[in-house]
Amino acid sequence: MPIDATRTFKPINIALLTVSDTRTAKEDTSGDILADRIMQKGHQLIYRSLIRDEKSKIVAQLHSWIDDGEVDVIITTGGTGLTGRDITPEALNAVKDKDIDGFGELFRWLSFEKIGTSTVQSRACAVVARGTYIFALPGSNGAVKDGWDGILDTQLDSRHRPCNFVELIPRLMEK
């Protein structure tokens, strides 16, 4: 993925949400991996929270961060599987304006190289909601590494060519 070294890196503000019925903040290793990668890249991790798999609470947290003018991107980890309690994609559907279909497709393609057909159980997805990007990753350490290293690291880098998510942020609310 080509990075244009002649361009200036523009840090963005990211909120990180872990969705889990079983993890505590101390046990949130996938959240820790994402937080480390976000900060190592040079972005600002401005919020981090852990919420149980309850749609109304996830939706409320998403709305709060979407309405915060400082948040450019929300990344969630967890709740993207197939069990009855996995409802992160449904929460994103409740707040979205547009789907970013290619994100989930690319995530599963990258994941297939590592876990084979088990990737069909992932409902990783992404949306735009009122000018804010939201990316939903599975909760495993491997999945968050795949999502960040394989997609978000470059797409959230303003120097990435031929295009990236950052350069579109000012235009997401155009009518």
C-alpha atoms as a PDB file:
ATOM      1  CA  MET A   1       0.000   0.000   0.000  1.00  0.00           C
ATOM      2  CA  PRO A   2       1.757   3.165  -1.107  1.00  0.00           C
ATOM      3  CA  ILE A   3       2.370   5.901   1.439  1.00  0.00           C
ATOM      4  CA  ASP A   4       3.251   9.231  -0.162  1.00  0.00           C
ATOM      5  CA  ALA A   5       6.096  10.515   2.009  1.00  0.00           C
ATOM      6  CA  THR A   6       5.762  13.989   0.477  1.00  0.00           C
ATOM      7  CA  ARG A   7       2.380  14.417   2.170  1.00  0.00           C
ATOM      8  CA  THR A   8       1.859  15.384   5.807  1.00  0.00           C
ATOM      9  CA  PHE A   9       0.413  12.832   8.237  1.00  0.00           C
ATOM     10  CA  LYS A  10      -2.822  14.125   9.770  1.00  0.00           C
ATOM     11  CA  PRO A  11      -3.687  12.537  13.112  1.00  0.00           C
ATOM     12  CA  ILE A  12      -7.361  11.867  13.713  1.00  0.00           C
ATOM     13  CA  ASN A  13      -9.403  11.442  16.896  1.00  0.00           C
ATOM     14  CA  ILE A  14     -10.544   7.895  17.573  1.00  0.00           C
ATOM     15  CA  ALA A  15     -12.959   6.442  20.134  1.00  0.00           C
ATOM     16  CA  LEU A  16     -12.587   2.744  20.995  1.00  0.00           C
ATOM     17  CA  LEU A  17     -15.479   0.621  22.231  1.00  0.00           C
ATOM     18  CA  THR A  18     -15.147  -2.971  23.416  1.00  0.00           C
ATOM     19  CA  VAL A  19     -18.402  -4.924  23.436  1.00  0.00           C
ATOM     20  CA  SER A  20     -18.304  -7.916  25.772  1.00  0.00           C
ATOM     21  CA  ASP A  21     -20.361  -9.730  28.382  1.00  0.00           C
ATOM     22  CA  THR A  22     -17.313 -11.521  29.775  1.00  0.00           C
ATOM     23  CA  ARG A  23     -14.308  -9.173  29.680  1.00  0.00           C
ATOM     24  CA  THR A  24     -13.322  -6.548  32.173  1.00  0.00           C
ATOM     25  CA  ALA A  25     -11.148  -3.544  31.332  1.00  0.00           C
ATOM     26  CA  LYS A  26      -8.179  -5.466  32.773  1.00  0.00           C
ATOM     27  CA  GLU A  27      -8.870  -8.435  30.454  1.00  0.00           C
ATOM     28  CA  ASP A  28      -9.570  -6.384  27.307  1.00  0.00           C
ATOM     29  CA  THR A  29      -6.546  -7.574  25.333  1.00  0.00           C
ATOM     30  CA  SER A  30      -8.081  -6.854  21.918  1.00  0.00           C
ATOM     31  CA  GLY A  31      -8.900  -3.319  23.039  1.00  0.00           C
ATOM     32  CA  ASP A  32      -5.334  -2.966  24.331  1.00  0.00           C
ATOM     33  CA  ILE A  33      -3.951  -4.065  20.942  1.00  0.00           C
ATOM     34  CA  LEU A  34      -6.076  -1.512  19.110  1.00  0.00           C
ATOM     35  CA  ALA A  35      -5.273   1.271  21.579  1.00  0.00           C
ATOM     36  CA  ASP A  36      -1.550   0.598  21.178  1.00  0.00           C
ATOM     37  CA  ARG A  37      -1.749   0.566  17.379  1.00  0.00           C
ATOM     38  CA  ILE A  38      -3.848   3.740  17.288  1.00  0.00           C
ATOM     39  CA  MET A  39      -1.353   5.645  19.422  1.00  0.00           C
ATOM     40  CA  GLN A  40       1.752   4.160  17.770  1.00  0.00           C
ATOM     41  CA  LYS A  41       0.423   5.384  14.424  1.00  0.00           C
ATOM     42  CA  GLY A  42       0.176   8.900  15.819  1.00  0.00           C
ATOM     43  CA  HIS A  43      -3.608   9.219  16.165  1.00  0.00           C
ATOM     44  CA  GLN A  44      -5.359  10.445  19.299  1.00  0.00           C
ATOM     45  CA  LEU A  45      -7.285   7.879  21.348  1.00  0.00           C
ATOM     46  CA  ILE A  46      -9.750  10.291  22.921  1.00  0.00           C
ATOM     47  CA  TYR A  47     -12.235   7.818  24.430  1.00  0.00           C
ATOM     48  CA  ARG A  48     -12.181   4.183  25.424  1.00  0.00           C
ATOM     49  CA  SER A  49     -15.061   2.259  26.928  1.00  0.00           C
ATOM     50  CA  LEU A  50     -16.282  -1.294  27.558  1.00  0.00           C
ATOM     51  CA  ILE A  51     -19.999  -2.099  27.309  1.00  0.00           C
ATOM     52  CA  ARG A  52     -21.964  -5.334  27.655  1.00  0.00           C
ATOM     53  CA  ASP A  53     -23.679  -6.852  24.611  1.00  0.00           C
ATOM     54  CA  GLU A  54     -26.831  -4.763  25.029  1.00  0.00           C
ATOM     55  CA  LYS A  55     -28.022  -3.004  21.919  1.00  0.00           C
ATOM     56  CA  SER A  56     -29.565   0.015  23.650  1.00  0.00           C
ATOM     57  CA  LYS A  57     -26.351   0.738  25.578  1.00  0.00           C
ATOM     58  CA  ILE A  58     -24.173   0.321  22.488  1.00  0.00           C
ATOM     59  CA  VAL A  59     -26.470   2.582  20.453  1.00  0.00           C
ATOM     60  CA  ALA A  60     -26.464   5.216  23.216  1.00  0.00           C
ATOM     61  CA  GLN A  61     -22.654   5.191  23.376  1.00  0.00           C
ATOM     62  CA  LEU A  62     -22.370   5.404  19.587  1.00  0.00           C
ATOM     63  CA  HIS A  63     -24.800   8.357  19.465  1.00  0.00           C
ATOM     64  CA  SER A  64     -22.837  10.128  22.190  1.00  0.00           C
ATOM     65  CA  TRP A  65     -19.559   9.796  20.299  1.00  0.00           C
ATOM     66  CA  ILE A  66     -21.132  10.564  16.901  1.00  0.00           C
ATOM     67  CA  ASP A  67     -22.550  13.788  18.347  1.00  0.00           C
ATOM     68  CA  ASP A  68     -19.159  14.721  19.828  1.00  0.00           C
ATOM     69  CA  GLY A  69     -17.587  16.994  17.228  1.00  0.00           C
ATOM     70  CA  GLU A  70     -14.108  15.837  18.236  1.00  0.00           C
ATOM     71  CA  VAL A  71     -14.613  12.166  17.246  1.00  0.00           C
ATOM     72  CA  ASP A  72     -13.625  11.322  13.671  1.00  0.00           C
ATOM     73  CA  VAL A  73     -13.674   7.527  13.919  1.00  0.00           C
ATOM     74  CA  ILE A  74     -15.192   4.930  16.233  1.00  0.00           C
ATOM     75  CA  ILE A  75     -13.735   1.430  16.299  1.00  0.00           C
ATOM     76  CA  THR A  76     -15.599  -1.339  18.076  1.00  0.00           C
ATOM     77  CA  THR A  77     -14.321  -4.779  18.948  1.00  0.00           C
ATOM     78  CA  GLY A  78     -16.582  -7.678  19.864  1.00  0.00           C
ATOM     79  CA  GLY A  79     -20.201  -8.613  19.330  1.00  0.00           C
ATOM     80  CA  THR A  80     -19.889  -9.382  15.601  1.00  0.00           C
ATOM     81  CA  GLY A  81     -20.458 -13.138  15.742  1.00  0.00           C
ATOM     82  CA  LEU A  82     -23.574 -15.219  15.273  1.00  0.00           C
ATOM     83  CA  THR A  83     -24.735 -15.941  18.815  1.00  0.00           C
ATOM     84  CA  GLY A  84     -27.883 -14.424  20.237  1.00  0.00           C
ATOM     85  CA  ARG A  85     -25.901 -11.875  22.281  1.00  0.00           C
ATOM     86  CA  ASP A  86     -23.760 -10.700  19.318  1.00  0.00           C
ATOM     87  CA  ILE A  87     -25.553  -7.491  18.306  1.00  0.00           C
ATOM     88  CA  THR A  88     -22.887  -4.938  17.380  1.00  0.00           C
ATOM     89  CA  PRO A  89     -23.857  -4.889  13.648  1.00  0.00           C
ATOM     90  CA  GLU A  90     -27.487  -4.323  14.648  1.00  0.00           C
ATOM     91  CA  ALA A  91     -26.397  -1.392  16.822  1.00  0.00           C
ATOM     92  CA  LEU A  92     -24.491   0.097  13.873  1.00  0.00           C
ATOM     93  CA  ASN A  93     -27.596  -0.346  11.702  1.00  0.00           C
ATOM     94  CA  ALA A  94     -29.550   1.737  14.226  1.00  0.00           C
ATOM     95  CA  VAL A  95     -27.226   4.749  13.813  1.00  0.00           C
ATOM     96  CA  LYS A  96     -25.922   4.519  10.234  1.00  0.00           C
ATOM     97  CA  ASP A  97     -26.442   6.728   7.227  1.00  0.00           C
ATOM     98  CA  LYS A  98     -24.412   4.574   4.824  1.00  0.00           C
ATOM     99  CA  ASP A  99     -22.769   1.163   4.774  1.00  0.00           C
ATOM    100  CA  ILE A 100     -19.124   0.735   3.791  1.00  0.00           C
ATOM    101  CA  ASP A 101     -19.633  -2.721   2.256  1.00  0.00           C
ATOM    102  CA  GLY A 102     -16.052  -3.175   1.105  1.00  0.00           C
ATOM    103  CA  PHE A 103     -14.746  -3.092   4.678  1.00  0.00           C
ATOM    104  CA  GLY A 104     -16.445  -6.322   5.740  1.00  0.00           C
ATOM    105  CA  GLU A 105     -15.694  -7.973   2.419  1.00  0.00           C
ATOM    106  CA  LEU A 106     -11.998  -7.109   2.629  1.00  0.00           C
ATOM    107  CA  PHE A 107     -11.822  -8.084   6.302  1.00  0.00           C
ATOM    108  CA  ARG A 108     -13.202 -11.557   5.574  1.00  0.00           C
ATOM    109  CA  TRP A 109     -10.853 -11.976   2.600  1.00  0.00           C
ATOM    110  CA  LEU A 110      -7.846 -11.121   4.796  1.00  0.00           C
ATOM    111  CA  SER A 111      -9.162 -13.327   7.588  1.00  0.00           C
ATOM    112  CA  PHE A 112      -9.699 -16.266   5.212  1.00  0.00           C
ATOM    113  CA  GLU A 113      -5.951 -16.404   4.624  1.00  0.00           C
ATOM    114  CA  LYS A 114      -5.466 -17.126   8.347  1.00  0.00           C
ATOM    115  CA  ILE A 115      -8.542 -18.990   9.578  1.00  0.00           C
ATOM    116  CA  GLY A 116     -10.033 -20.416   6.392  1.00  0.00           C
ATOM    117  CA  THR A 117     -13.746 -20.864   6.061  1.00  0.00           C
ATOM    118  CA  SER A 118     -14.321 -19.987   9.734  1.00  0.00           C
ATOM    119  CA  THR A 119     -14.302 -16.376   8.554  1.00  0.00           C
ATOM    120  CA  VAL A 120     -17.901 -16.776   7.336  1.00  0.00           C
ATOM    121  CA  GLN A 121     -18.938 -16.523  10.995  1.00  0.00           C
ATOM    122  CA  SER A 122     -17.700 -12.931  11.164  1.00  0.00           C
ATOM    123  CA  ARG A 123     -20.047 -10.004  10.670  1.00  0.00           C
ATOM    124  CA  ALA A 124     -17.301  -7.371  10.667  1.00  0.00           C
ATOM    125  CA  CYS A 125     -18.762  -4.249   9.114  1.00  0.00           C
ATOM    126  CA  ALA A 126     -18.415  -0.495   8.779  1.00  0.00           C
ATOM    127  CA  VAL A 127     -20.746   2.467   8.389  1.00  0.00           C
ATOM    128  CA  VAL A 128     -20.813   6.231   8.205  1.00  0.00           C
ATOM    129  CA  ALA A 129     -23.099   7.917  10.732  1.00  0.00           C
ATOM    130  CA  ARG A 130     -23.589  11.705  10.669  1.00  0.00           C
ATOM    131  CA  GLY A 131     -20.061  12.302   9.413  1.00  0.00           C
ATOM    132  CA  THR A 132     -18.350   9.738  11.663  1.00  0.00           C
ATOM    133  CA  TYR A 133     -16.808   6.478  10.503  1.00  0.00           C
ATOM    134  CA  ILE A 134     -17.627   3.389  12.594  1.00  0.00           C
ATOM    135  CA  PHE A 135     -15.701   0.147  12.098  1.00  0.00           C
ATOM    136  CA  ALA A 136     -16.872  -3.028  13.871  1.00  0.00           C
ATOM    137  CA  LEU A 137     -14.234  -5.719  14.326  1.00  0.00           C
ATOM    138  CA  PRO A 138     -14.558  -9.140  15.949  1.00  0.00           C
ATOM    139  CA  GLY A 139     -13.265  -9.416  19.505  1.00  0.00           C
ATOM    140  CA  SER A 140     -10.341 -11.783  19.047  1.00  0.00           C
ATOM    141  CA  ASN A 141      -6.775 -10.534  19.173  1.00  0.00           C
ATOM    142  CA  GLY A 142      -6.091 -11.955  15.719  1.00  0.00           C
ATOM    143  CA  ALA A 143      -9.145 -10.265  14.242  1.00  0.00           C
ATOM    144  CA  VAL A 144      -8.282  -6.812  15.557  1.00  0.00           C
ATOM    145  CA  LYS A 145      -4.741  -7.219  14.249  1.00  0.00           C
ATOM    146  CA  ASP A 146      -6.123  -8.236  10.828  1.00  0.00           C
ATOM    147  CA  GLY A 147      -8.542  -5.309  10.788  1.00  0.00           C
ATOM    148  CA  TRP A 148      -6.006  -2.713  11.874  1.00  0.00           C
ATOM    149  CA  ASP A 149      -2.893  -3.990  10.116  1.00  0.00           C
ATOM    150  CA  GLY A 150      -4.659  -5.050   6.932  1.00  0.00           C
ATOM    151  CA  ILE A 151      -7.107  -2.171   6.438  1.00  0.00           C
ATOM    152  CA  LEU A 152      -7.322   0.606   9.000  1.00  0.00           C
ATOM    153  CA  ASP A 153      -3.607   1.345   9.384  1.00  0.00           C
ATOM    154  CA  THR A 154      -3.400   2.563   5.792  1.00  0.00           C
ATOM    155  CA  GLN A 155      -6.948   3.787   5.222  1.00  0.00           C
ATOM    156  CA  LEU A 156      -6.707   6.015   8.301  1.00  0.00           C
ATOM    157  CA  ASP A 157      -3.380   7.420   7.070  1.00  0.00           C
ATOM    158  CA  SER A 158      -3.820  10.702   5.202  1.00  0.00           C
ATOM    159  CA  ARG A 159      -0.700   9.929   3.148  1.00  0.00           C
ATOM    160  CA  HIS A 160      -2.048   6.680   1.670  1.00  0.00           C
ATOM    161  CA  ARG A 161      -2.537   6.723  -2.090  1.00  0.00           C
ATOM    162  CA  PRO A 162      -4.534   6.635  -4.264  1.00  0.00           C
ATOM    163  CA  CYS A 163      -7.169   7.434  -1.620  1.00  0.00           C
ATOM    164  CA  ASN A 164      -7.942   7.086   2.078  1.00  0.00           C
ATOM    165  CA  PHE A 165     -10.770   7.610   4.564  1.00  0.00           C
ATOM    166  CA  VAL A 166      -9.129  10.649   6.187  1.00  0.00           C
ATOM    167  CA  GLU A 167      -9.297  12.845   3.116  1.00  0.00           C
ATOM    168  CA  LEU A 168     -13.055  12.259   2.930  1.00  0.00           C
ATOM    169  CA  ILE A 169     -13.834  13.321   6.517  1.00  0.00           C
ATOM    170  CA  PRO A 170     -14.515  16.982   5.598  1.00  0.00           C
ATOM    171  CA  ARG A 171     -16.934  15.849   2.875  1.00  0.00           C
ATOM    172  CA  LEU A 172     -18.938  13.181   4.714  1.00  0.00           C
ATOM    173  CA  MET A 173     -21.775  15.579   5.560  1.00  0.00           C
ATOM    174  CA  GLU A 174     -22.129  17.070   2.067  1.00  0.00           C
ATOM    175  CA  LYS A 175     -25.625  17.259   0.656  1.00  0.00           C
END
